[in-house]
Amino acid sequence: PAWLPWVVSAKSREAVREQAARLAVSVRGADTGSGAGAGAGGGALDVAHSLVSTRVAMEHRAVVVGSGLDDLLAGLDALAAGQPAPGLVEGTATEGGGVVFVFPGQGSQWAGMATELLDTSPVFAARMAECAAALSPHVEWSLLDVVRGVEGAASLERVDVVQPVLWAVMVSLAEVWRSCGVEPAAVVGHSQGEIAAACVAGALSLEDAALVVALRSRALRALSGLGGMVSVACGVSVVGELVGRWEGRVSVAAVNGPSSVVVSGDADALDELLVVCEAQGVRARRVAVDYASHSVHVERIEAELAELLAPVEPRSCGVPFYSTVSGGVIDTVGLDAGYWYRNLRGTVEFEAATRALLADGFRVLVEVSAHPVVAAGVRETIEDAGVAAGVVGTLRRGEGGWERFTLSLGEAWACGADVDWDAFYAGTRPRRVDLPTYPFQREWYW
């Protein structure tokens, strides 16, 4: 890999820092006189592989990511000194029921969001090609042309383009996580993200998922220009009182966390709501859409969706599917045309689904997207629930390549996720090299 992770773990944070210091000295070839040895005796890849193949992973963890020895050593120095660094992540592994793949709705898109991985990850590129083939019967544009920003390609500003593209990116990113041994023990999706969640869990075939996301987003174009959505930084009870004066015209669209709610409805009513929020000191902002998902507006396309999505054949799957329609686990055989209408019409019960996941013991949640969108709401819910759990992203705006993914992979490992490092280093020929001994943190008995 062009970007390598050096992983360090110990029984305490202090021991992690001393371990980093010892490793830096060893790699630089200096003898500390502590028995650490005069040097690792290998290159960056040899050290990286030896760290994951000859050491037990302990509770307190850190990962340094770099493209060469200089970057990696600078990260180790920062870790040893207790300082932040661009390629450094730290965490504490928590015991739980495995990793949850979290798929957001709209909002994670950005120009060029997947082009780096298309050129550097064969796994990602192959899955994107499969998604493009599955979408092709339902769209008149090219998935890969849109992602690469080819001149004349369809615009991501169109709802019937951005939703299928995001679906393809999320499904393909999930495949990259899996190629590194990170398998979902459960899935959850926010609004359209449930289509990707169902596909990754095995509840929908790739072809059926492509049909749902392409045809449903096309039907949404009939609602364009009629409404909108507003994000409000308050609890759902407060927001419910705020929108009560516009009954039937504004409704709660999504409950993302204890103080993160989205409402949708008529455009003029939302303008009035924003004025009221400003007067009361409530933070609120427009969401960049011109239609009102999860509101009465959706009822206009109910019959059309029933006909368009009738061919879908859902099936039960082995991966628990936490529905944001019901707020809990459901049998995915029920993900038929009617479900995908309710998913678009009803309130997104994302906070309820997150609480159900935490109650069932899940402690590592990975947002599989081009940019973290729902991670903030998840963290709010975790804090409110009073549990120790980790939230990890995948890519970020302006960081859409292997460096960012490797850092996210390391962050997931630092939170306790199982990573198949042998799979990560597949195709390389690293040597095992000597590493410094464990830095025991001694205490006087008397």
Protein backbone atom coordinates (compact mmCIF):
# COMPACT_ATOMS: atom_id res chain seq x y z
CA PRO A 1 0.00 0.00 0.00
CA ALA A 2 1.12 3.55 -0.70
CA TRP A 3 0.02 4.56 2.81
CA LEU A 4 1.08 2.39 5.74
CA PRO A 5 -0.34 2.17 9.27
CA TRP A 6 1.97 1.60 12.21
CA VAL A 7 -0.18 0.29 15.07
CA VAL A 8 0.77 0.44 18.74
CA SER A 9 -1.16 -0.85 21.73
CA ALA A 10 -0.62 -1.33 25.45
CA LYS A 11 -2.41 -1.72 28.79
CA SER A 12 -2.34 2.03 29.47
CA ARG A 13 -2.05 5.31 27.61
CA GLU A 14 1.33 5.98 29.21
CA ALA A 15 2.64 2.64 27.97
CA VAL A 16 1.40 3.42 24.44
CA ARG A 17 3.43 6.62 24.44
CA GLU A 18 6.55 4.91 25.74
CA GLN A 19 6.06 2.15 23.16
CA ALA A 20 5.96 4.80 20.44
CA ALA A 21 9.13 6.42 21.75
CA ARG A 22 10.95 3.07 21.86
CA LEU A 23 9.84 2.18 18.36
CA ALA A 24 11.02 5.52 17.00
CA VAL A 25 14.42 5.06 18.59
CA SER A 26 14.65 1.49 17.31
CA VAL A 27 13.77 2.42 13.75
CA ARG A 28 16.24 5.27 13.76
CA GLY A 29 18.89 2.76 14.77
CA ALA A 30 19.79 4.32 18.11
CA ASP A 31 20.39 2.24 21.26
CA THR A 32 18.58 3.52 24.36
CA GLY A 33 20.33 1.09 26.70
CA SER A 34 16.96 -0.31 27.74
CA GLY A 35 17.16 -3.53 25.76
CA ALA A 36 15.05 -2.19 22.94
CA GLY A 37 17.71 -3.06 20.37
CA ALA A 38 19.69 -1.02 17.98
CA GLY A 39 17.10 -0.79 15.24
CA ALA A 40 14.20 -2.51 13.60
CA GLY A 41 16.41 -3.61 10.75
CA GLY A 42 13.80 -3.23 8.05
CA GLY A 43 11.83 -0.80 5.94
CA ALA A 44 8.52 0.89 6.68
CA LEU A 45 6.49 -2.03 5.28
CA ASP A 46 8.45 -4.58 7.33
CA VAL A 47 7.87 -2.63 10.53
CA ALA A 48 4.17 -2.12 9.71
CA HIS A 49 3.56 -5.84 9.12
CA SER A 50 5.61 -6.90 12.13
CA LEU A 51 3.60 -4.62 14.41
CA VAL A 52 0.35 -6.40 13.50
CA SER A 53 1.70 -9.94 13.13
CA THR A 54 3.95 -10.28 16.21
CA ARG A 55 2.13 -8.19 18.81
CA VAL A 56 -1.09 -8.78 20.77
CA ALA A 57 -3.65 -5.97 20.41
CA MET A 58 -4.33 -4.49 23.83
CA GLU A 59 -6.96 -2.07 25.13
CA HIS A 60 -5.25 1.30 24.60
CA ARG A 61 -4.38 1.79 20.95
CA ALA A 62 -2.89 4.26 18.52
CA VAL A 63 -2.23 4.27 14.78
CA VAL A 64 0.19 6.38 12.78
CA VAL A 65 -0.35 6.57 9.01
CA GLY A 66 2.26 7.76 6.56
CA SER A 67 3.66 7.25 3.08
CA GLY A 68 7.26 6.85 4.20
CA LEU A 69 9.60 6.63 7.18
CA ASP A 70 9.75 10.38 7.73
CA ASP A 71 5.95 10.71 8.01
CA LEU A 72 5.67 7.65 10.24
CA LEU A 73 8.47 8.69 12.57
CA ALA A 74 7.02 12.19 12.88
CA GLY A 75 3.72 10.59 13.91
CA LEU A 76 5.47 8.40 16.47
CA ASP A 77 7.24 11.43 17.92
CA ALA A 78 3.92 13.26 18.30
CA LEU A 79 2.34 10.20 19.91
CA ALA A 80 5.23 9.83 22.36
CA ALA A 81 4.94 13.50 23.29
CA GLY A 82 1.17 13.37 23.68
CA GLN A 83 0.70 15.83 20.81
CA PRO A 84 -1.81 15.70 17.91
CA ALA A 85 -0.58 15.04 14.38
CA PRO A 86 -2.28 14.82 10.95
CA GLY A 87 -1.73 11.06 10.51
CA LEU A 88 -2.29 10.02 14.12
CA VAL A 89 -5.38 8.53 15.77
CA GLU A 90 -5.79 7.17 19.30
CA GLY A 91 -8.57 5.16 20.88
CA THR A 92 -9.65 2.66 23.48
CA ALA A 93 -10.99 -0.67 22.32
CA THR A 94 -14.43 -1.44 23.69
CA GLU A 95 -16.07 -4.83 23.92
CA GLY A 96 -19.25 -5.09 21.88
CA GLY A 97 -21.24 -7.08 19.40
CA GLY A 98 -19.19 -6.14 16.35
CA VAL A 99 -19.13 -3.29 13.86
CA VAL A 100 -22.26 -1.47 12.66
CA PHE A 101 -22.24 -0.08 9.12
CA VAL A 102 -24.12 3.25 9.10
CA PHE A 103 -25.34 4.65 5.77
CA PRO A 104 -26.46 8.31 5.65
CA GLY A 105 -28.95 9.95 3.32
CA GLN A 106 -28.02 12.94 1.18
CA GLY A 107 -25.38 15.48 2.14
CA SER A 108 -22.13 13.51 1.88
CA GLN A 109 -21.61 14.29 -1.82
CA TRP A 110 -18.77 16.43 -3.15
CA ALA A 111 -17.16 16.85 -6.54
CA GLY A 112 -14.50 14.20 -7.08
CA MET A 113 -15.56 12.29 -3.98
CA ALA A 114 -14.54 8.86 -5.30
CA THR A 115 -12.09 9.44 -8.11
CA GLU A 116 -8.96 8.73 -6.06
CA LEU A 117 -10.24 5.35 -4.90
CA LEU A 118 -11.38 4.53 -8.43
CA ASP A 119 -7.74 4.87 -9.49
CA THR A 120 -6.08 3.25 -6.47
CA SER A 121 -8.45 0.57 -5.11
CA PRO A 122 -9.28 -2.36 -7.42
CA VAL A 123 -11.95 -3.51 -4.96
CA PHE A 124 -13.70 -0.14 -5.02
CA ALA A 125 -13.40 0.21 -8.80
CA ALA A 126 -14.80 -3.28 -9.43
CA ARG A 127 -17.83 -2.72 -7.19
CA MET A 128 -18.50 0.68 -8.76
CA ALA A 129 -18.47 -0.97 -12.19
CA GLU A 130 -21.05 -3.51 -10.95
CA CYS A 131 -23.20 -0.68 -9.58
CA ALA A 132 -22.94 1.15 -12.90
CA ALA A 133 -24.16 -1.97 -14.72
CA ALA A 134 -27.05 -2.40 -12.28
CA LEU A 135 -28.12 1.25 -12.70
CA SER A 136 -27.78 1.36 -16.49
CA PRO A 137 -31.28 0.00 -17.32
CA HIS A 138 -32.88 2.76 -15.23
CA VAL A 139 -30.81 5.90 -16.00
CA GLU A 140 -29.71 7.75 -19.10
CA TRP A 141 -26.37 8.89 -17.65
CA SER A 142 -23.07 7.19 -16.78
CA LEU A 143 -22.24 6.65 -13.11
CA LEU A 144 -18.50 6.75 -13.70
CA ASP A 145 -18.73 9.87 -15.90
CA VAL A 146 -20.66 11.69 -13.15
CA VAL A 147 -18.15 10.67 -10.48
CA ARG A 148 -15.18 11.68 -12.60
CA GLY A 149 -16.82 14.97 -13.61
CA VAL A 150 -16.55 14.29 -17.34
CA GLU A 151 -17.63 17.24 -19.45
CA GLY A 152 -21.32 16.93 -20.33
CA ALA A 153 -22.03 14.42 -17.55
CA ALA A 154 -25.25 14.69 -15.55
CA SER A 155 -25.17 17.09 -12.60
CA LEU A 156 -25.06 16.03 -8.96
CA GLU A 157 -27.53 18.86 -8.33
CA ARG A 158 -30.28 16.62 -9.71
CA VAL A 159 -31.99 14.43 -7.10
CA ASP A 160 -32.33 11.58 -9.60
CA VAL A 161 -28.55 11.66 -10.09
CA VAL A 162 -27.14 12.37 -6.63
CA GLN A 163 -29.13 9.65 -4.85
CA PRO A 164 -28.10 6.77 -7.15
CA VAL A 165 -24.49 8.02 -7.18
CA LEU A 166 -24.35 8.18 -3.39
CA TRP A 167 -25.88 4.70 -3.21
CA ALA A 168 -23.17 3.34 -5.51
CA VAL A 169 -20.37 5.05 -3.57
CA MET A 170 -21.66 3.76 -0.22
CA VAL A 171 -22.12 0.20 -1.46
CA SER A 172 -18.62 0.25 -2.97
CA LEU A 173 -17.02 1.72 0.16
CA ALA A 174 -18.63 -1.07 2.18
CA GLU A 175 -16.87 -3.55 -0.10
CA VAL A 176 -13.52 -1.89 0.65
CA TRP A 177 -14.14 -2.23 4.40
CA ARG A 178 -14.99 -5.89 3.90
CA SER A 179 -11.85 -6.48 1.87
CA CYS A 180 -9.91 -5.48 5.00
CA GLY A 181 -11.81 -7.94 7.17
CA VAL A 182 -14.29 -5.45 8.67
CA GLU A 183 -17.65 -7.19 8.31
CA PRO A 184 -20.92 -5.59 9.43
CA ALA A 185 -22.51 -7.25 12.45
CA ALA A 186 -25.53 -4.98 11.86
CA VAL A 187 -26.58 -2.23 9.45
CA VAL A 188 -28.62 0.94 9.74
CA GLY A 189 -29.50 3.56 7.14
CA HIS A 190 -30.83 7.10 7.24
CA SER A 191 -33.61 7.73 4.67
CA GLN A 192 -32.17 6.73 1.27
CA GLY A 193 -29.22 5.20 3.14
CA GLU A 194 -31.51 2.30 4.01
CA ILE A 195 -31.35 1.20 0.36
CA ALA A 196 -27.56 0.83 0.61
CA ALA A 197 -27.91 -0.84 4.02
CA ALA A 198 -30.35 -3.39 2.61
CA CYS A 199 -28.06 -4.11 -0.31
CA VAL A 200 -24.93 -4.55 1.81
CA ALA A 201 -26.77 -6.75 4.31
CA GLY A 202 -28.06 -8.99 1.51
CA ALA A 203 -31.74 -8.11 1.88
CA LEU A 204 -31.86 -6.68 -1.66
CA SER A 205 -29.91 -7.83 -4.68
CA LEU A 206 -27.67 -5.24 -6.29
CA GLU A 207 -30.13 -5.04 -9.20
CA ASP A 208 -33.18 -4.54 -6.96
CA ALA A 209 -31.40 -1.91 -4.88
CA ALA A 210 -30.39 -0.06 -8.05
CA LEU A 211 -33.99 -0.15 -9.25
CA VAL A 212 -35.32 1.26 -5.96
CA VAL A 213 -32.82 4.12 -5.72
CA ALA A 214 -33.01 5.07 -9.41
CA LEU A 215 -36.78 4.95 -9.93
CA ARG A 216 -37.71 6.42 -6.57
CA SER A 217 -35.35 9.38 -6.97
CA ARG A 218 -36.72 9.97 -10.48
CA ALA A 219 -40.25 10.09 -9.08
CA LEU A 220 -39.09 12.66 -6.53
CA ARG A 221 -38.49 15.16 -9.34
CA ALA A 222 -42.24 15.75 -9.46
CA LEU A 223 -41.94 17.32 -5.99
CA SER A 224 -39.07 19.65 -6.86
CA GLY A 225 -39.74 23.33 -6.23
CA LEU A 226 -42.74 22.67 -3.98
CA GLY A 227 -41.10 22.46 -0.59
CA GLY A 228 -37.91 22.19 1.40
CA MET A 229 -36.25 21.03 4.59
CA VAL A 230 -34.74 22.79 7.63
CA SER A 231 -32.33 21.45 10.23
CA VAL A 232 -33.09 22.56 13.80
CA ALA A 233 -30.64 22.17 16.71
CA CYS A 234 -33.24 21.25 19.33
CA GLY A 235 -34.88 18.19 20.79
CA VAL A 236 -37.88 16.70 19.04
CA SER A 237 -40.33 17.84 21.75
CA VAL A 238 -39.27 21.48 21.36
CA VAL A 239 -39.33 21.24 17.58
CA GLY A 240 -42.77 19.64 17.70
CA GLU A 241 -44.09 22.68 19.58
CA LEU A 242 -42.37 25.06 17.14
CA VAL A 243 -43.94 23.53 14.04
CA GLY A 244 -47.35 23.07 15.63
CA ARG A 245 -48.54 26.42 14.35
CA TRP A 246 -48.08 25.18 10.75
CA GLU A 247 -49.96 21.92 11.25
CA GLY A 248 -50.22 20.02 7.97
CA ARG A 249 -47.72 22.33 6.26
CA VAL A 250 -44.57 21.52 8.26
CA SER A 251 -43.77 18.23 9.97
CA VAL A 252 -40.86 16.48 11.67
CA ALA A 253 -38.90 14.72 8.93
CA ALA A 254 -36.02 13.14 10.87
CA VAL A 255 -34.90 12.76 14.46
CA ASN A 256 -31.13 12.36 14.21
CA GLY A 257 -30.14 12.86 17.83
CA PRO A 258 -31.18 14.39 21.16
CA SER A 259 -30.68 17.92 19.77
CA SER A 260 -30.67 17.33 16.02
CA VAL A 261 -33.99 17.35 14.17
CA VAL A 262 -34.95 18.03 10.55
CA VAL A 263 -38.36 19.33 9.49
CA SER A 264 -39.89 19.50 6.02
CA GLY A 265 -42.89 21.02 4.32
CA ASP A 266 -44.10 24.00 2.32
CA ALA A 267 -41.36 26.45 1.33
CA ASP A 268 -43.16 29.58 2.59
CA ALA A 269 -44.00 27.96 5.93
CA LEU A 270 -40.33 27.03 6.37
CA ASP A 271 -39.36 30.66 5.72
CA GLU A 272 -41.68 31.70 8.54
CA LEU A 273 -40.24 28.97 10.79
CA LEU A 274 -36.70 30.28 10.23
CA VAL A 275 -37.81 33.76 11.32
CA VAL A 276 -39.37 32.34 14.50
CA CYS A 277 -36.24 30.29 15.27
CA GLU A 278 -34.00 33.34 14.89
CA ALA A 279 -36.25 35.38 17.20
CA GLN A 280 -36.14 32.64 19.85
CA GLY A 281 -32.39 32.03 19.56
CA VAL A 282 -32.81 28.55 18.12
CA ARG A 283 -30.15 27.49 15.59
CA ALA A 284 -31.79 26.50 12.31
CA ARG A 285 -30.59 26.34 8.71
CA ARG A 286 -31.93 25.39 5.32
CA VAL A 287 -31.04 22.00 3.88
CA ALA A 288 -29.93 22.28 0.23
CA VAL A 289 -32.97 20.59 -1.35
CA ASP A 290 -36.09 22.02 -3.00
CA TYR A 291 -38.47 19.19 -2.15
CA ALA A 292 -40.02 17.95 1.09
CA SER A 293 -39.18 14.32 1.77
CA HIS A 294 -40.81 12.78 4.85
CA SER A 295 -43.83 15.04 4.63
CA VAL A 296 -47.36 15.02 3.22
CA HIS A 297 -45.89 16.07 -0.15
CA VAL A 298 -44.69 12.50 -0.70
CA GLU A 299 -48.28 11.24 -0.79
CA ARG A 300 -48.55 12.69 -4.30
CA ILE A 301 -46.29 9.93 -5.67
CA GLU A 302 -47.51 7.00 -3.54
CA ALA A 303 -49.38 5.26 -6.36
CA GLU A 304 -46.51 5.80 -8.80
CA LEU A 305 -43.99 4.31 -6.38
CA ALA A 306 -46.19 1.29 -5.76
CA GLU A 307 -46.17 0.53 -9.46
CA LEU A 308 -42.50 1.33 -10.11
CA LEU A 309 -41.16 -0.68 -7.18
CA ALA A 310 -43.51 -3.63 -7.44
CA PRO A 311 -40.86 -5.92 -9.04
CA VAL A 312 -38.60 -5.73 -5.96
CA GLU A 313 -38.09 -9.09 -4.24
CA PRO A 314 -36.68 -8.61 -0.74
CA ARG A 315 -35.38 -11.54 1.31
CA SER A 316 -34.46 -12.29 4.90
CA CYS A 317 -30.76 -11.90 5.65
CA GLY A 318 -28.32 -12.89 8.35
CA VAL A 319 -27.16 -9.37 9.14
CA PRO A 320 -29.54 -7.57 11.55
CA PHE A 321 -31.26 -4.64 9.81
CA TYR A 322 -32.11 -1.79 12.20
CA SER A 323 -34.93 0.08 10.51
CA THR A 324 -35.21 3.84 10.83
CA VAL A 325 -38.86 3.50 9.86
CA SER A 326 -39.69 1.41 12.95
CA GLY A 327 -36.70 2.29 15.14
CA GLY A 328 -35.68 -1.33 15.70
CA VAL A 329 -34.71 -4.62 14.07
CA ILE A 330 -37.06 -5.94 11.40
CA ASP A 331 -37.24 -8.99 9.13
CA THR A 332 -35.95 -7.73 5.80
CA VAL A 333 -38.41 -9.87 3.85
CA GLY A 334 -40.73 -6.90 4.43
CA LEU A 335 -38.60 -4.45 2.42
CA ASP A 336 -41.10 -4.37 -0.43
CA ALA A 337 -42.52 -1.47 -2.43
CA GLY A 338 -44.72 -0.42 0.47
CA TYR A 339 -41.75 -0.21 2.81
CA TRP A 340 -39.79 2.02 0.47
CA TYR A 341 -42.77 4.38 0.27
CA ARG A 342 -43.02 4.51 4.08
CA ASN A 343 -39.27 5.09 4.24
CA LEU A 344 -39.75 8.23 2.13
CA ARG A 345 -43.03 9.42 3.68
CA GLY A 346 -42.60 8.86 7.41
CA THR A 347 -40.30 10.37 10.02
CA VAL A 348 -36.73 9.00 10.01
CA GLU A 349 -36.37 7.50 13.49
CA PHE A 350 -32.58 7.51 13.38
CA GLU A 351 -32.05 8.31 17.06
CA ALA A 352 -34.36 5.47 18.08
CA ALA A 353 -32.50 3.01 15.85
CA THR A 354 -29.15 4.19 17.25
CA ARG A 355 -30.38 3.71 20.82
CA ALA A 356 -31.57 0.21 19.91
CA LEU A 357 -28.11 -0.62 18.56
CA LEU A 358 -26.43 0.65 21.72
CA ALA A 359 -28.90 -1.22 23.92
CA ASP A 360 -28.04 -4.41 22.03
CA GLY A 361 -24.36 -3.97 22.83
CA PHE A 362 -22.88 -2.53 19.64
CA ARG A 363 -19.96 -0.23 20.39
CA VAL A 364 -18.23 0.52 17.06
CA LEU A 365 -20.25 2.38 14.42
CA VAL A 366 -18.70 3.10 11.02
CA GLU A 367 -20.34 5.70 8.78
CA VAL A 368 -19.82 4.35 5.27
CA SER A 369 -19.93 7.50 3.16
CA ALA A 370 -17.93 10.04 1.18
CA HIS A 371 -18.15 12.46 4.13
CA PRO A 372 -19.49 12.05 7.69
CA VAL A 373 -23.07 13.31 7.84
CA VAL A 374 -24.87 11.44 10.63
CA ALA A 375 -21.82 10.80 12.85
CA ALA A 376 -22.54 13.94 14.92
CA GLY A 377 -26.07 12.74 15.71
CA VAL A 378 -24.73 9.30 16.63
CA ARG A 379 -22.20 10.85 19.02
CA GLU A 380 -24.95 12.93 20.64
CA THR A 381 -27.02 9.81 21.22
CA ILE A 382 -24.03 7.87 22.58
CA GLU A 383 -23.27 10.68 25.04
CA ASP A 384 -26.90 10.93 26.09
CA ALA A 385 -27.09 7.15 26.58
CA GLY A 386 -24.00 7.25 28.79
CA VAL A 387 -22.15 4.40 27.08
CA ALA A 388 -18.59 4.08 25.77
CA ALA A 389 -18.70 3.64 22.00
CA GLY A 390 -16.74 4.80 18.99
CA VAL A 391 -17.92 6.48 15.78
CA VAL A 392 -15.70 6.34 12.70
CA GLY A 393 -16.04 7.87 9.23
CA THR A 394 -14.71 6.57 5.93
CA LEU A 395 -13.81 9.44 3.58
CA ARG A 396 -14.02 13.22 3.98
CA ARG A 397 -14.46 16.19 1.67
CA GLY A 398 -11.17 16.75 -0.08
CA GLU A 399 -9.83 13.46 1.32
CA GLY A 400 -11.16 10.76 -0.95
CA GLY A 401 -8.18 8.47 -1.35
CA TRP A 402 -6.33 5.58 0.21
CA GLU A 403 -4.65 7.76 2.84
CA ARG A 404 -7.99 8.79 4.33
CA PHE A 405 -9.36 5.26 4.19
CA THR A 406 -6.26 3.83 5.85
CA LEU A 407 -6.59 6.39 8.64
CA SER A 408 -10.27 5.47 9.09
CA LEU A 409 -9.37 1.78 9.11
CA GLY A 410 -6.81 2.48 11.83
CA GLU A 411 -9.37 4.52 13.76
CA ALA A 412 -11.84 1.63 13.62
CA TRP A 413 -9.14 -0.75 14.87
CA ALA A 414 -8.30 1.69 17.67
CA CYS A 415 -11.98 1.59 18.72
CA GLY A 416 -11.96 -2.22 18.83
CA ALA A 417 -12.95 -3.34 15.33
CA ASP A 418 -11.48 -6.57 14.02
CA VAL A 419 -9.23 -5.84 11.04
CA ASP A 420 -7.69 -8.54 8.85
CA TRP A 421 -4.24 -7.04 8.50
CA ASP A 422 -3.06 -10.02 6.43
CA ALA A 423 -5.71 -9.09 3.86
CA PHE A 424 -4.62 -5.46 4.00
CA TYR A 425 -1.04 -6.47 3.17
CA ALA A 426 -2.01 -9.13 0.62
CA GLY A 427 0.30 -9.09 -2.39
CA THR A 428 3.26 -7.65 -0.49
CA ARG A 429 6.33 -9.52 0.76
CA PRO A 430 7.22 -7.98 4.11
CA ARG A 431 9.87 -9.44 6.44
CA ARG A 432 9.41 -9.86 10.15
CA VAL A 433 11.81 -7.63 12.01
CA ASP A 434 12.76 -7.23 15.66
CA LEU A 435 10.67 -4.73 17.59
CA PRO A 436 11.19 -3.14 21.01
CA THR A 437 10.04 -5.12 24.02
CA TYR A 438 6.91 -4.14 25.96
CA PRO A 439 7.32 -0.99 28.10
CA PHE A 440 6.11 -2.25 31.48
CA GLN A 441 4.86 0.60 33.66
CA ARG A 442 6.35 -0.40 37.03
CA GLU A 443 5.12 0.71 40.44
CA TRP A 444 6.90 0.40 43.81
CA TYR A 445 5.36 -2.36 45.88
CA TRP A 446 6.04 -0.66 49.23
